Structures are given as C-alpha cells and as structure tokens.
N, C-alpha and C. Protein backbone atom coordinates (compact mmCIF):
# COMPACT_ATOMS: atom_id res chain seq x y z
N UNK A 1 0.94 -1.03 0.14
CA UNK A 1 -0.10 0.15 -0.23
C UNK A 1 0.92 1.10 0.02
N UNK A 2 0.66 1.99 -0.79
CA UNK A 2 1.63 3.27 -1.24
C UNK A 2 0.56 4.62 -0.07
N UNK A 3 1.48 5.62 0.16
CA UNK A 3 1.18 6.50 0.86
C UNK A 3 0.03 7.10 0.70
N UNK A 4 -0.33 7.50 -0.42
CA UNK A 4 -1.55 7.81 -1.15
C UNK A 4 -3.05 7.13 -0.59
N UNK A 5 -2.71 5.68 -0.59
CA UNK A 5 -3.73 4.58 -0.46
C UNK A 5 -4.05 4.82 1.38
N UNK A 6 -2.70 4.81 1.87
CA UNK A 6 -2.87 4.91 3.65
C UNK A 6 -3.73 6.20 3.73
N UNK A 7 -3.26 7.13 3.44
CA UNK A 7 -4.09 8.49 3.30
C UNK A 7 -5.59 8.50 3.01
N UNK A 8 -6.04 7.84 1.72
CA UNK A 8 -7.26 7.97 1.41
C UNK A 8 -8.27 6.56 1.94
N UNK A 9 -7.46 5.54 2.39
CA UNK A 9 -7.89 4.74 3.31
C UNK A 9 -8.48 4.51 4.37
N UNK A 10 -7.74 5.42 5.41
CA UNK A 10 -7.88 5.77 6.47
C UNK A 10 -8.59 6.50 6.84
N UNK A 11 -8.67 7.02 8.71
CA UNK A 11 -9.32 8.37 8.78
C UNK A 11 -8.98 9.60 7.75
N UNK A 12 -10.11 10.37 7.95
CA UNK A 12 -9.62 11.64 7.37
C UNK A 12 -8.60 12.70 8.19
N UNK A 13 -8.70 12.56 9.24
CA UNK A 13 -7.70 13.10 10.04
C UNK A 13 -6.22 12.85 9.81
N UNK A 14 -6.13 11.60 9.07
CA UNK A 14 -4.49 11.55 8.67
C UNK A 14 -4.08 11.94 7.78
N UNK A 15 -4.96 12.85 6.94
CA UNK A 15 -4.18 13.55 5.82
C UNK A 15 -4.69 14.79 5.94
N UNK A 16 -4.34 15.94 5.04
CA UNK A 16 -4.54 17.50 4.96
C UNK A 16 -3.68 17.80 3.67
N UNK A 17 -4.48 18.73 3.07
CA UNK A 17 -3.52 19.69 2.22
C UNK A 17 -3.32 21.01 2.75
N UNK A 18 -2.32 21.49 2.26
CA UNK A 18 -1.66 22.53 2.21
C UNK A 18 -2.00 23.82 1.10
N UNK A 19 -2.04 24.86 1.41
CA UNK A 19 -2.18 25.94 0.47
C UNK A 19 -0.97 25.85 -0.34
N UNK A 20 -1.02 25.51 -1.58
CA UNK A 20 -0.14 25.24 -2.59
C UNK A 20 -0.39 25.58 -4.10
N UNK A 21 0.21 26.62 -4.72
CA UNK A 21 -0.10 27.22 -6.16
C UNK A 21 0.63 27.95 -6.78
N UNK A 22 0.50 27.41 -8.05
CA UNK A 22 1.55 27.85 -8.64
C UNK A 22 1.85 29.57 -9.27
N UNK A 23 2.81 29.74 -9.57
CA UNK A 23 3.26 31.36 -9.84
C UNK A 23 1.71 32.01 -10.34
N UNK A 24 1.33 31.48 -11.01
CA UNK A 24 0.10 32.63 -11.57
C UNK A 24 -1.29 32.35 -10.28
N UNK A 25 -0.98 31.20 -9.94
CA UNK A 25 -2.13 31.25 -8.92
C UNK A 25 -2.94 29.88 -8.91
N UNK A 26 -2.70 29.15 -9.62
CA UNK A 26 -3.47 27.88 -9.80
C UNK A 26 -3.27 26.56 -8.72
N UNK A 27 -4.21 26.45 -8.31
CA UNK A 27 -4.23 25.40 -7.05
C UNK A 27 -3.62 24.13 -7.60
N UNK A 28 -2.67 23.45 -6.70
CA UNK A 28 -2.27 22.34 -6.69
C UNK A 28 -2.43 21.27 -5.77
N UNK A 29 -3.72 20.35 -6.08
CA UNK A 29 -4.10 19.69 -5.39
C UNK A 29 -2.43 18.60 -4.75
N UNK A 30 -2.82 18.49 -3.15
CA UNK A 30 -1.67 17.75 -2.82
C UNK A 30 -2.48 17.01 -1.27
N UNK A 31 -1.41 16.06 -0.63
CA UNK A 31 -1.86 15.53 0.51
C UNK A 31 -0.56 15.26 1.35
N UNK A 32 -0.74 15.65 2.59
CA UNK A 32 0.58 15.50 3.42
C UNK A 32 -0.12 14.80 4.72
N UNK A 33 0.77 14.93 5.37
CA UNK A 33 0.54 13.72 6.77
C UNK A 33 1.43 13.88 7.74
N UNK A 34 1.41 13.54 8.92
CA UNK A 34 2.41 13.55 10.01
C UNK A 34 3.57 12.58 9.64
N UNK A 35 5.00 13.15 9.57
CA UNK A 35 5.82 12.64 8.81
C UNK A 35 6.18 11.21 10.01
N UNK A 36 5.78 11.14 11.15
CA UNK A 36 5.83 10.26 11.88
C UNK A 36 5.19 8.62 11.24
N UNK A 37 4.62 8.73 10.66
CA UNK A 37 3.96 7.29 9.76
C UNK A 37 5.18 6.57 9.33
N UNK A 38 5.26 5.37 9.93
CA UNK A 38 6.65 4.62 9.81
C UNK A 38 6.08 3.31 8.38
N UNK A 39 7.37 2.94 7.88
CA UNK A 39 7.18 1.72 6.69
C UNK A 39 6.85 0.82 7.41
N UNK A 40 6.06 0.33 6.36
CA UNK A 40 5.45 -1.61 7.03
C UNK A 40 7.03 -2.53 6.23
N UNK A 41 6.43 -3.60 6.61
CA UNK A 41 7.56 -4.20 6.46
C UNK A 41 7.70 -4.70 4.79
N UNK A 42 6.76 -4.50 3.66
CA UNK A 42 6.96 -4.36 2.68
C UNK A 42 7.70 -3.28 1.98
N UNK A 43 7.16 -2.24 2.79
CA UNK A 43 7.94 -0.89 2.35
C UNK A 43 9.79 -0.99 2.58
N UNK A 44 9.57 -1.68 3.84
CA UNK A 44 10.99 -1.42 4.38
C UNK A 44 11.91 -2.30 3.46
N UNK A 45 11.18 -3.67 2.93
CA UNK A 45 12.23 -4.73 2.02
C UNK A 45 12.36 -3.68 0.70
N UNK A 46 11.18 -3.03 0.00
CA UNK A 46 11.30 -2.51 -1.29
C UNK A 46 12.93 -1.28 -0.83
N UNK A 47 12.73 -0.52 0.38
CA UNK A 47 13.64 0.48 0.35
C UNK A 47 15.28 0.02 0.09
N UNK A 48 15.24 -1.65 0.52
CA UNK A 48 17.07 -2.28 0.58
C UNK A 48 17.25 -2.13 -0.74
N UNK A 49 16.33 -1.77 -2.19
CA UNK A 49 17.00 -1.98 -3.17
C UNK A 49 17.94 -0.62 -3.48
N UNK A 50 17.48 0.65 -2.64
CA UNK A 50 18.48 1.83 -3.30
C UNK A 50 19.70 1.98 -2.22
N UNK A 51 20.04 0.97 -1.67
CA UNK A 51 21.08 0.58 -0.58
C UNK A 51 22.43 0.79 -1.49
N UNK A 52 22.31 0.77 -2.52
CA UNK A 52 23.50 0.74 -3.46
C UNK A 52 23.72 2.30 -3.98
N UNK A 53 22.59 2.99 -3.49
CA UNK A 53 22.86 4.82 -3.58
C UNK A 53 23.14 5.17 -2.23
N UNK A 54 24.07 6.60 -2.18
CA UNK A 54 24.16 7.21 -0.94
C UNK A 54 22.83 7.82 -0.30
N UNK A 55 22.87 7.52 0.54
CA UNK A 55 21.26 7.67 1.20
C UNK A 55 21.72 9.24 2.13
N UNK A 56 20.76 10.31 1.89
CA UNK A 56 21.20 11.64 2.45
C UNK A 56 20.17 11.94 3.65
N UNK A 57 18.69 11.20 3.65
CA UNK A 57 18.09 11.04 4.86
C UNK A 57 17.38 9.93 4.89
N UNK A 58 16.92 9.65 6.26
CA UNK A 58 16.36 8.45 6.48
C UNK A 58 14.82 8.24 5.94
N UNK A 59 14.30 7.12 5.64
CA UNK A 59 12.97 7.28 5.21
C UNK A 59 11.89 8.43 6.43
N UNK A 60 11.07 8.79 5.54
CA UNK A 60 10.17 9.92 6.47
C UNK A 60 8.79 9.97 5.38
N UNK A 61 8.04 9.88 6.19
CA UNK A 61 6.45 10.81 5.62
C UNK A 61 5.77 11.89 5.54
N UNK A 62 5.30 12.19 4.52
CA UNK A 62 4.71 13.94 4.56
C UNK A 62 5.08 14.10 3.30
N UNK A 63 5.92 13.79 2.22
CA UNK A 63 6.09 14.15 0.78
C UNK A 63 6.38 13.00 0.07
N UNK A 64 6.26 13.04 -1.28
CA UNK A 64 6.83 12.23 -2.47
C UNK A 64 7.71 12.82 -3.41
N UNK A 65 8.14 12.31 -4.09
CA UNK A 65 9.26 13.08 -5.01
C UNK A 65 8.80 14.03 -5.84
N UNK A 66 7.49 14.32 -6.21
CA UNK A 66 7.13 15.74 -6.94
C UNK A 66 6.93 16.87 -5.80
N UNK A 67 7.01 16.56 -4.19
CA UNK A 67 6.64 17.32 -3.33
C UNK A 67 7.89 17.73 -3.09
N UNK A 68 9.21 16.73 -2.81
CA UNK A 68 10.43 17.24 -2.97
C UNK A 68 10.92 18.42 -3.87
N UNK A 69 10.54 17.99 -5.02
CA UNK A 69 11.14 19.11 -6.01
C UNK A 69 10.13 20.31 -6.29
N UNK A 70 8.88 19.99 -6.23
CA UNK A 70 8.09 21.64 -6.24
C UNK A 70 7.21 22.02 -4.90
N UNK A 71 7.50 21.26 -3.91
CA UNK A 71 7.10 21.91 -2.67
C UNK A 71 7.72 21.88 -1.70
N UNK A 72 8.90 21.90 -1.48
CA UNK A 72 10.20 21.78 -0.60
C UNK A 72 9.55 20.80 0.26
N UNK A 73 9.49 19.88 0.12
CA UNK A 73 9.51 18.56 1.11
C UNK A 73 8.25 18.73 2.12
N UNK A 74 7.45 19.73 1.49
CA UNK A 74 5.70 20.09 2.53
C UNK A 74 4.91 19.23 2.65
N UNK A 75 4.76 18.56 1.52
CA UNK A 75 3.75 18.12 0.75
C UNK A 75 3.97 16.99 -0.18
N UNK A 76 3.01 16.03 -0.56
CA UNK A 76 2.90 14.97 -1.95
C UNK A 76 2.07 15.64 -2.70
N UNK A 77 2.61 15.76 -3.76
CA UNK A 77 1.74 15.59 -5.46
C UNK A 77 1.59 14.88 -6.50
N UNK A 78 0.73 14.24 -6.65
CA UNK A 78 0.20 13.24 -7.32
C UNK A 78 -0.54 13.61 -8.97
N UNK A 79 -0.05 13.27 -9.85
CA UNK A 79 -0.70 13.40 -11.17
C UNK A 79 -1.42 12.62 -11.70
N UNK A 80 -2.82 13.00 -12.01
CA UNK A 80 -3.47 12.08 -12.37
C UNK A 80 -4.44 13.08 -13.48
N UNK A 81 -3.49 12.44 -14.93
CA UNK A 81 -3.89 13.58 -16.03
C UNK A 81 -5.17 12.70 -16.72
N UNK A 82 -6.33 12.02 -15.76
CA UNK A 82 -7.52 12.17 -16.37
C UNK A 82 -8.30 12.65 -15.80
N UNK A 83 -7.97 13.37 -14.58
CA UNK A 83 -8.68 14.07 -13.50
C UNK A 83 -8.98 15.78 -14.50
N UNK A 84 -10.11 16.26 -14.70
CA UNK A 84 -10.34 17.25 -15.18
C UNK A 84 -10.47 18.44 -14.00
N UNK A 85 -10.24 17.85 -12.85
CA UNK A 85 -10.57 19.39 -12.05
C UNK A 85 -8.84 19.36 -11.14
N UNK A 86 -7.63 18.23 -11.86
CA UNK A 86 -6.69 18.81 -11.38
C UNK A 86 -5.50 19.50 -12.51
N UNK A 87 -4.42 20.12 -11.87
CA UNK A 87 -3.19 20.74 -12.79
C UNK A 87 -2.85 19.36 -13.10
N UNK A 88 -2.18 19.39 -14.42
CA UNK A 88 -0.93 18.37 -14.54
C UNK A 88 0.48 19.11 -14.56
N UNK A 89 1.29 18.05 -14.87
CA UNK A 89 2.65 18.91 -14.82
C UNK A 89 2.88 19.96 -15.76
N UNK A 90 2.50 19.55 -17.01
CA UNK A 90 2.94 20.57 -18.15
C UNK A 90 2.34 21.80 -17.95
N UNK A 91 1.06 22.36 -17.38
CA UNK A 91 0.50 23.76 -16.89
C UNK A 91 1.37 24.02 -15.73
N UNK A 92 1.80 23.24 -14.61
CA UNK A 92 3.10 23.58 -13.52
C UNK A 92 4.05 23.79 -14.01
N UNK A 93 4.31 23.47 -14.91
CA UNK A 93 5.98 23.73 -15.35
C UNK A 93 5.42 25.31 -16.04
N UNK A 94 4.39 25.28 -17.21
CA UNK A 94 4.13 26.39 -17.71
C UNK A 94 3.94 27.90 -16.75
N UNK A 95 3.42 27.48 -15.63
CA UNK A 95 2.87 28.51 -15.08
C UNK A 95 4.19 28.98 -13.88
N UNK A 96 4.87 28.23 -13.94
CA UNK A 96 6.10 28.54 -13.18
C UNK A 96 7.42 29.03 -13.51
N UNK A 97 7.12 28.91 -14.84
CA UNK A 97 8.64 29.35 -15.98
C UNK A 97 9.48 28.37 -16.07
N UNK A 98 9.39 27.11 -16.10
CA UNK A 98 10.26 26.17 -16.30
C UNK A 98 10.42 26.09 -17.63
N UNK A 99 11.50 26.16 -18.08
CA UNK A 99 12.32 26.02 -19.57
C UNK A 99 12.97 24.61 -19.82
N UNK A 100 12.72 24.09 -20.82
CA UNK A 100 13.64 22.62 -20.91
C UNK A 100 15.11 22.87 -21.38
N UNK A 101 15.86 22.12 -20.68
CA UNK A 101 17.13 22.81 -21.22
C UNK A 101 17.53 21.32 -21.76
N UNK A 102 17.84 21.65 -23.24
CA UNK A 102 17.61 20.17 -24.12
C UNK A 102 19.49 20.08 -23.86
N UNK A 103 20.45 20.69 -24.27
CA UNK A 103 21.82 20.73 -24.38
C UNK A 103 22.31 20.12 -23.06
N UNK A 104 23.13 18.95 -22.98
CA UNK A 104 23.39 18.40 -21.83
C UNK A 104 24.44 19.15 -21.25
N UNK A 105 25.17 19.93 -22.19
CA UNK A 105 26.58 20.57 -21.74
C UNK A 105 26.40 21.95 -21.10
N UNK A 106 24.39 22.26 -20.64
CA UNK A 106 24.08 23.36 -19.97
C UNK A 106 23.62 23.07 -19.06
N UNK A 107 23.66 21.81 -18.99
CA UNK A 107 22.68 21.62 -17.46
C UNK A 107 23.55 22.24 -16.50
N UNK A 108 22.84 22.36 -14.98
CA UNK A 108 23.21 22.81 -14.18
C UNK A 108 22.88 22.33 -12.67
N UNK A 109 23.61 22.17 -11.80
CA UNK A 109 22.86 21.75 -10.06
C UNK A 109 21.97 22.94 -9.54
N UNK A 110 20.69 22.19 -9.73
CA UNK A 110 19.45 22.75 -8.96
C UNK A 110 18.73 22.66 -10.12
N UNK A 111 18.79 22.10 -11.55
CA UNK A 111 17.87 21.77 -12.59
C UNK A 111 16.79 20.72 -11.96
N UNK A 112 15.75 20.81 -12.44
CA UNK A 112 14.75 19.61 -12.23
C UNK A 112 15.02 18.53 -13.42
N UNK A 113 14.79 17.24 -12.72
CA UNK A 113 14.97 16.23 -14.09
C UNK A 113 13.17 15.24 -13.61
N UNK A 114 12.84 15.52 -15.01
CA UNK A 114 11.24 14.62 -14.75
C UNK A 114 11.27 13.22 -15.73
N UNK A 115 10.98 12.21 -14.80
CA UNK A 115 11.07 11.35 -15.34
C UNK A 115 9.67 10.52 -16.34
N UNK A 116 9.34 10.39 -17.74
CA UNK A 116 7.87 9.96 -17.90
C UNK A 116 7.91 8.94 -18.58
N UNK A 117 6.86 8.33 -18.87
CA UNK A 117 6.21 7.44 -20.34
C UNK A 117 5.31 7.93 -20.70
N UNK A 118 4.59 6.95 -21.23
CA UNK A 118 3.22 7.62 -22.20
C UNK A 118 2.08 7.76 -21.59
N UNK A 119 1.87 7.48 -20.15
CA UNK A 119 1.14 7.80 -19.67
C UNK A 119 0.89 9.00 -18.81
N UNK A 120 2.67 9.29 -18.56
CA UNK A 120 2.58 10.74 -18.05
C UNK A 120 3.56 10.53 -17.04
N UNK A 121 4.02 11.89 -16.33
CA UNK A 121 4.97 11.83 -15.51
C UNK A 121 5.28 10.50 -14.28
N UNK A 122 6.39 10.05 -14.13
CA UNK A 122 6.58 9.13 -13.21
C UNK A 122 7.20 9.38 -12.25
N UNK A 123 8.30 10.43 -11.72
CA UNK A 123 9.13 10.46 -11.10
C UNK A 123 9.85 11.83 -11.55
N UNK A 124 10.50 12.59 -10.26
CA UNK A 124 11.25 14.02 -10.56
C UNK A 124 12.30 13.96 -9.51
N UNK A 125 13.30 14.46 -10.05
CA UNK A 125 14.69 14.77 -8.84
C UNK A 125 15.33 16.18 -9.33
N UNK A 126 16.31 16.27 -8.28
CA UNK A 126 17.02 17.41 -8.74
C UNK A 126 18.43 17.18 -8.81
N UNK A 127 19.06 17.96 -9.95
CA UNK A 127 20.76 17.79 -10.20
C UNK A 127 21.30 18.28 -8.92
N UNK A 128 22.45 17.44 -8.20
CA UNK A 128 22.62 17.85 -7.14
C UNK A 128 24.10 18.11 -7.34
N UNK A 129 24.81 17.38 -8.82
CA UNK A 129 26.48 17.72 -8.64
C UNK A 129 26.52 16.88 -10.14
N UNK A 130 28.08 17.16 -10.62
CA UNK A 130 28.14 16.46 -11.82
C UNK A 130 29.45 15.77 -11.13
N UNK A 131 29.47 14.13 -11.32
CA UNK A 131 30.86 13.29 -11.39
C UNK A 131 31.32 13.21 -12.55
N UNK A 132 32.91 13.43 -12.76
CA UNK A 132 33.62 13.21 -13.71
C UNK A 132 34.46 11.87 -14.18
N UNK A 133 34.29 10.93 -15.42
CA UNK A 133 34.67 9.95 -15.26
C UNK A 133 35.67 9.78 -16.75
N UNK A 134 36.32 9.43 -16.39
CA UNK A 134 37.74 9.48 -17.45
C UNK A 134 37.86 8.30 -17.90
N UNK A 135 37.05 7.89 -19.78
CA UNK A 135 37.56 6.89 -20.18
C UNK A 135 37.53 7.33 -21.52
N UNK A 136 39.16 7.49 -21.66
CA UNK A 136 39.08 8.03 -23.54
C UNK A 136 38.55 9.59 -23.30
N UNK A 137 38.71 10.45 -22.53
CA UNK A 137 37.61 11.54 -22.26
C UNK A 137 37.15 12.04 -21.31
N UNK A 138 36.96 13.22 -20.81
CA UNK A 138 35.97 13.47 -19.78
C UNK A 138 34.55 13.37 -20.26
N UNK A 139 34.15 12.67 -19.28
CA UNK A 139 32.37 12.45 -19.50
C UNK A 139 31.82 12.89 -18.19
N UNK A 140 30.88 14.15 -18.10
CA UNK A 140 30.35 14.30 -16.94
C UNK A 140 28.84 13.54 -16.93
N UNK A 141 29.01 12.94 -15.49
CA UNK A 141 27.41 12.64 -15.39
C UNK A 141 27.12 13.23 -14.10
N UNK A 142 25.66 13.40 -14.43
CA UNK A 142 24.55 14.46 -13.45
C UNK A 142 24.29 13.40 -12.57
N UNK A 143 24.42 13.82 -11.42
CA UNK A 143 23.81 13.17 -10.10
C UNK A 143 22.57 13.71 -9.64
N UNK A 144 21.41 13.03 -9.14
CA UNK A 144 20.24 13.54 -8.57
C UNK A 144 20.16 13.09 -7.74
N UNK A 145 18.99 13.89 -6.70
CA UNK A 145 18.31 13.73 -5.51
C UNK A 145 17.25 13.07 -5.69
N UNK A 146 16.79 11.81 -5.29
CA UNK A 146 15.55 11.15 -5.21
C UNK A 146 14.89 10.89 -4.21
N UNK A 147 13.59 10.93 -4.37
CA UNK A 147 12.86 10.36 -2.64
C UNK A 147 12.19 9.37 -3.99
N UNK A 148 12.23 8.03 -3.76
CA UNK A 148 11.94 7.16 -4.33
C UNK A 148 10.59 6.51 -4.18
N UNK A 149 9.68 6.96 -2.92
CA UNK A 149 8.57 6.75 -2.43
C UNK A 149 7.78 7.64 -1.59
N UNK A 150 6.40 7.37 -1.04
CA UNK A 150 6.15 8.48 -0.17
C UNK A 150 6.33 8.29 0.94
N UNK A 151 7.14 7.11 1.31
CA UNK A 151 7.35 6.59 2.58
C UNK A 151 9.22 6.60 2.44
N UNK A 152 9.87 6.61 1.51
CA UNK A 152 11.32 5.99 1.39
C UNK A 152 11.91 7.16 2.07
N UNK A 153 13.14 6.92 1.80
CA UNK A 153 14.53 7.95 2.57
C UNK A 153 14.50 8.93 0.93
N UNK A 154 15.61 9.77 1.07
CA UNK A 154 16.30 10.42 -0.25
C UNK A 154 17.40 10.21 -0.23
N UNK A 155 18.23 9.73 -1.84
CA UNK A 155 19.07 9.40 -2.12
C UNK A 155 19.70 10.04 -3.40
N UNK A 156 21.00 9.85 -3.35
CA UNK A 156 21.65 10.33 -4.95
C UNK A 156 21.90 9.36 -5.95
N UNK A 157 21.76 9.39 -7.19
CA UNK A 157 22.39 8.45 -7.79
C UNK A 157 22.23 9.20 -9.07
N UNK A 158 22.62 8.27 -10.02
CA UNK A 158 23.14 8.78 -11.22
C UNK A 158 21.84 9.25 -12.02
N UNK A 159 21.83 10.17 -12.63
CA UNK A 159 20.46 10.69 -13.46
C UNK A 159 19.95 9.47 -14.13
N UNK A 160 20.84 8.83 -14.74
CA UNK A 160 20.35 7.89 -16.00
C UNK A 160 19.86 6.68 -15.51
N UNK A 161 20.15 5.93 -13.90
CA UNK A 161 19.96 4.96 -13.69
C UNK A 161 18.12 5.21 -13.21
N UNK A 162 17.81 4.39 -14.05
CA UNK A 162 16.34 4.06 -13.61
C UNK A 162 15.90 2.49 -13.56
N UNK A 163 16.62 1.62 -12.46
CA UNK A 163 16.30 0.18 -12.38
C UNK A 163 15.47 -0.02 -11.20
N UNK A 164 14.69 1.12 -10.53
CA UNK A 164 13.96 0.64 -9.43
C UNK A 164 12.65 0.28 -9.64
N UNK A 165 11.94 -0.60 -8.59
CA UNK A 165 10.41 -1.30 -8.91
C UNK A 165 9.73 0.01 -9.47
N UNK A 166 9.60 1.47 -9.30
CA UNK A 166 8.58 2.29 -9.66
C UNK A 166 8.72 2.39 -11.12
N UNK A 167 9.63 2.07 -11.92
CA UNK A 167 9.87 2.18 -13.36
C UNK A 167 9.67 0.68 -14.11
N UNK A 168 9.26 -0.41 -13.02
CA UNK A 168 9.45 -2.07 -14.15
C UNK A 168 8.26 -2.03 -14.59
N UNK A 169 7.15 -1.69 -14.43
CA UNK A 169 6.03 -1.91 -15.13
C UNK A 169 5.32 -0.71 -15.76
N UNK A 170 6.59 0.51 -16.07
CA UNK A 170 6.03 1.49 -17.02
C UNK A 170 5.76 1.10 -18.45
N UNK A 171 4.70 2.26 -19.03
CA UNK A 171 4.14 2.05 -20.36
C UNK A 171 5.04 2.68 -21.24
N UNK A 172 5.55 1.82 -22.08
CA UNK A 172 6.41 2.71 -23.19
C UNK A 172 7.87 2.99 -22.55
N UNK A 173 8.68 3.81 -23.64
CA UNK A 173 9.77 3.82 -22.89
C UNK A 173 9.77 5.29 -22.67
N UNK A 174 10.80 5.06 -21.38
CA UNK A 174 11.31 6.21 -20.51
C UNK A 174 11.74 7.57 -20.86
N UNK A 175 11.15 8.44 -20.88
CA UNK A 175 11.56 9.57 -21.33
C UNK A 175 12.26 10.76 -20.29
N UNK A 176 13.56 11.06 -20.40
CA UNK A 176 13.93 11.92 -19.18
C UNK A 176 14.11 13.29 -19.74
N UNK A 177 13.51 14.29 -19.29
CA UNK A 177 13.51 15.73 -19.41
C UNK A 177 14.08 16.61 -18.40
N UNK A 178 14.83 17.51 -18.68
CA UNK A 178 15.74 18.66 -17.57
C UNK A 178 15.02 19.83 -17.79
N UNK A 179 14.68 20.48 -16.46
CA UNK A 179 14.10 21.64 -16.82
C UNK A 179 14.74 22.55 -15.67
N UNK A 180 14.46 24.01 -16.13
CA UNK A 180 15.07 25.28 -15.37
C UNK A 180 13.93 26.02 -14.73
N UNK A 181 13.84 26.26 -13.44
CA UNK A 181 13.06 27.41 -13.08
C UNK A 181 13.29 28.78 -13.46
N UNK A 182 12.07 29.46 -13.21
CA UNK A 182 12.41 31.03 -13.90
C UNK A 182 13.28 30.96 -15.27
N UNK A 183 12.84 30.32 -16.11
CA UNK A 183 13.77 30.33 -17.35
C UNK A 183 12.97 30.74 -18.28
N UNK A 184 11.81 30.48 -18.46
CA UNK A 184 10.64 31.33 -19.30
C UNK A 184 9.72 32.02 -18.33
N UNK A 185 9.54 32.78 -19.54
CA UNK A 185 8.27 33.65 -19.19
C UNK A 185 6.71 32.76 -18.27
N UNK A 186 6.03 32.74 -17.44
CA UNK A 186 5.31 32.06 -17.52
C UNK A 186 4.27 32.23 -18.24
N UNK A 187 3.30 31.03 -18.89
CA UNK A 187 2.54 31.38 -20.09
C UNK A 187 1.66 31.69 -19.46
N UNK A 188 0.55 32.83 -19.84
CA UNK A 188 -0.17 33.56 -19.44
C UNK A 188 0.06 34.88 -18.66
N UNK A 189 1.46 35.27 -18.35
CA UNK A 189 1.85 36.04 -17.42
C UNK A 189 2.03 37.53 -18.16
N UNK A 190 1.50 38.53 -18.36
CA UNK A 190 1.51 39.61 -19.30
C UNK A 190 3.10 40.38 -19.12
N UNK A 191 3.72 40.69 -20.14
CA UNK A 191 4.79 41.67 -20.04
C UNK A 191 5.88 40.78 -20.77
N UNK A 192 7.02 41.77 -21.00
CA UNK A 192 8.06 40.89 -21.39
C UNK A 192 9.20 40.74 -20.62
N UNK A 193 9.20 40.94 -19.64
CA UNK A 193 10.50 40.73 -18.52
C UNK A 193 10.02 40.01 -17.53
N UNK A 194 10.88 39.16 -17.14
CA UNK A 194 10.34 38.54 -15.40
C UNK A 194 11.85 38.26 -14.88
N UNK A 195 11.83 38.86 -13.76
CA UNK A 195 13.30 38.47 -13.24
C UNK A 195 13.95 37.16 -12.82
N UNK A 196 15.09 36.75 -13.61
CA UNK A 196 15.72 35.51 -13.08
C UNK A 196 15.51 34.75 -14.53
N UNK A 197 15.13 35.00 -15.54
CA UNK A 197 15.30 34.30 -16.94
C UNK A 197 16.61 34.53 -17.07
N UNK A 198 17.36 33.49 -17.93
CA UNK A 198 18.45 33.05 -18.37
C UNK A 198 18.19 32.65 -19.74
N UNK A 199 19.38 32.74 -20.71
CA UNK A 199 19.53 32.27 -22.05
C UNK A 199 19.68 31.00 -21.62
N UNK A 200 18.74 30.17 -23.06
CA UNK A 200 18.70 28.65 -22.99
C UNK A 200 20.09 28.35 -23.53
C-alpha cells in the first residue's frame, strides 16, 4: 500500500492539504500527513534496493518525489492526467516559468529532472552535482537527489539510473527531460520581462 492509499483508506484526520499554487495562482492539489508514519515490512524491503545509492535522509512520510521538487518537502503531489479538476505537470511547468534545457552541456546543479512514459510523469529529481569519469575523454555524469516513494528516504544516484521498482511496469519508453525554474516567462503572464530568466 502506498502513501496515498494509506491516507485515503484511513481516517480523514490522517491527511490534509496545504495551500499550494503555481506562480500564476492555479491551485496544486496535494496530500500531506504526520511525518511519523512508519514504513511497513513490505516498504522496508523495497527500500533495500536503494542501498547501492548514497542515502542523505532516513525514510520519512509527508511528501513524495514531486513534493520534494515542487513543494520543498512540505507535501505530496500526485498527477492524475484523467482528472478534469486537477492541474497537470505541463501546466505547473508553464505557469512557474520552467524551460526545458535540451543541451546536456548546459545542465546545472539545481535543474529539475522529470521522468515520464506515455501515461505521464513518473518521477522527479533535482541535479545535485556532476561526477567526472575518465574513459578516453572526460565524461560529465549528472547526479540527482531522489525520493523514491511516499515513505522512502532521499538518495543521490546517477540521473540515467532508472532500474528501481517504480519503473519496472512503465508503459512505453522512459523519457528523461531537464528543466530550469524561472527560465521562461510563465505562460499567460503579461509583460515581456521576468526577473530570473536566463539564456537557454
């Protein structure tokens, strides 16, 4: 049972939403709870698959990977692209001025990484550093910070590593894109300048 199931199946007092919106004021539905909810045996076993990575935070409830990236660890954000009343990730990116950084040599620490398949976004992470590997030339490997589940810890791992269980049953090819906040004008915001915009 995942975190969202725990919250929706149990007492209403387990979960609550916080005020969360895009830069343009569109509400972002979310769920959070007391961070003292503990992993069950199954979740603890699942966590062991990440032991090959560097753990930076112990398992904790209250937020997921999208909450880590877009809500400063305050809550969990879920994407249901079939729900008519919910914002989708593309709208959040547009309204917060995220721009895609296509060129790998322009990726920076702090850029956001979105992992998606043909059913929508699956995971989000943040670039924390670059490792350099020598093999007939320099190779710059982006390392990201991830929270792999609603009750997991936080780990650093190479951006291209996507072998954990969450991706095992994905639909179609996994697409990895890199974005930078305050990189483009928020869609729908009047005016031609917005402090923080950088050249792609």
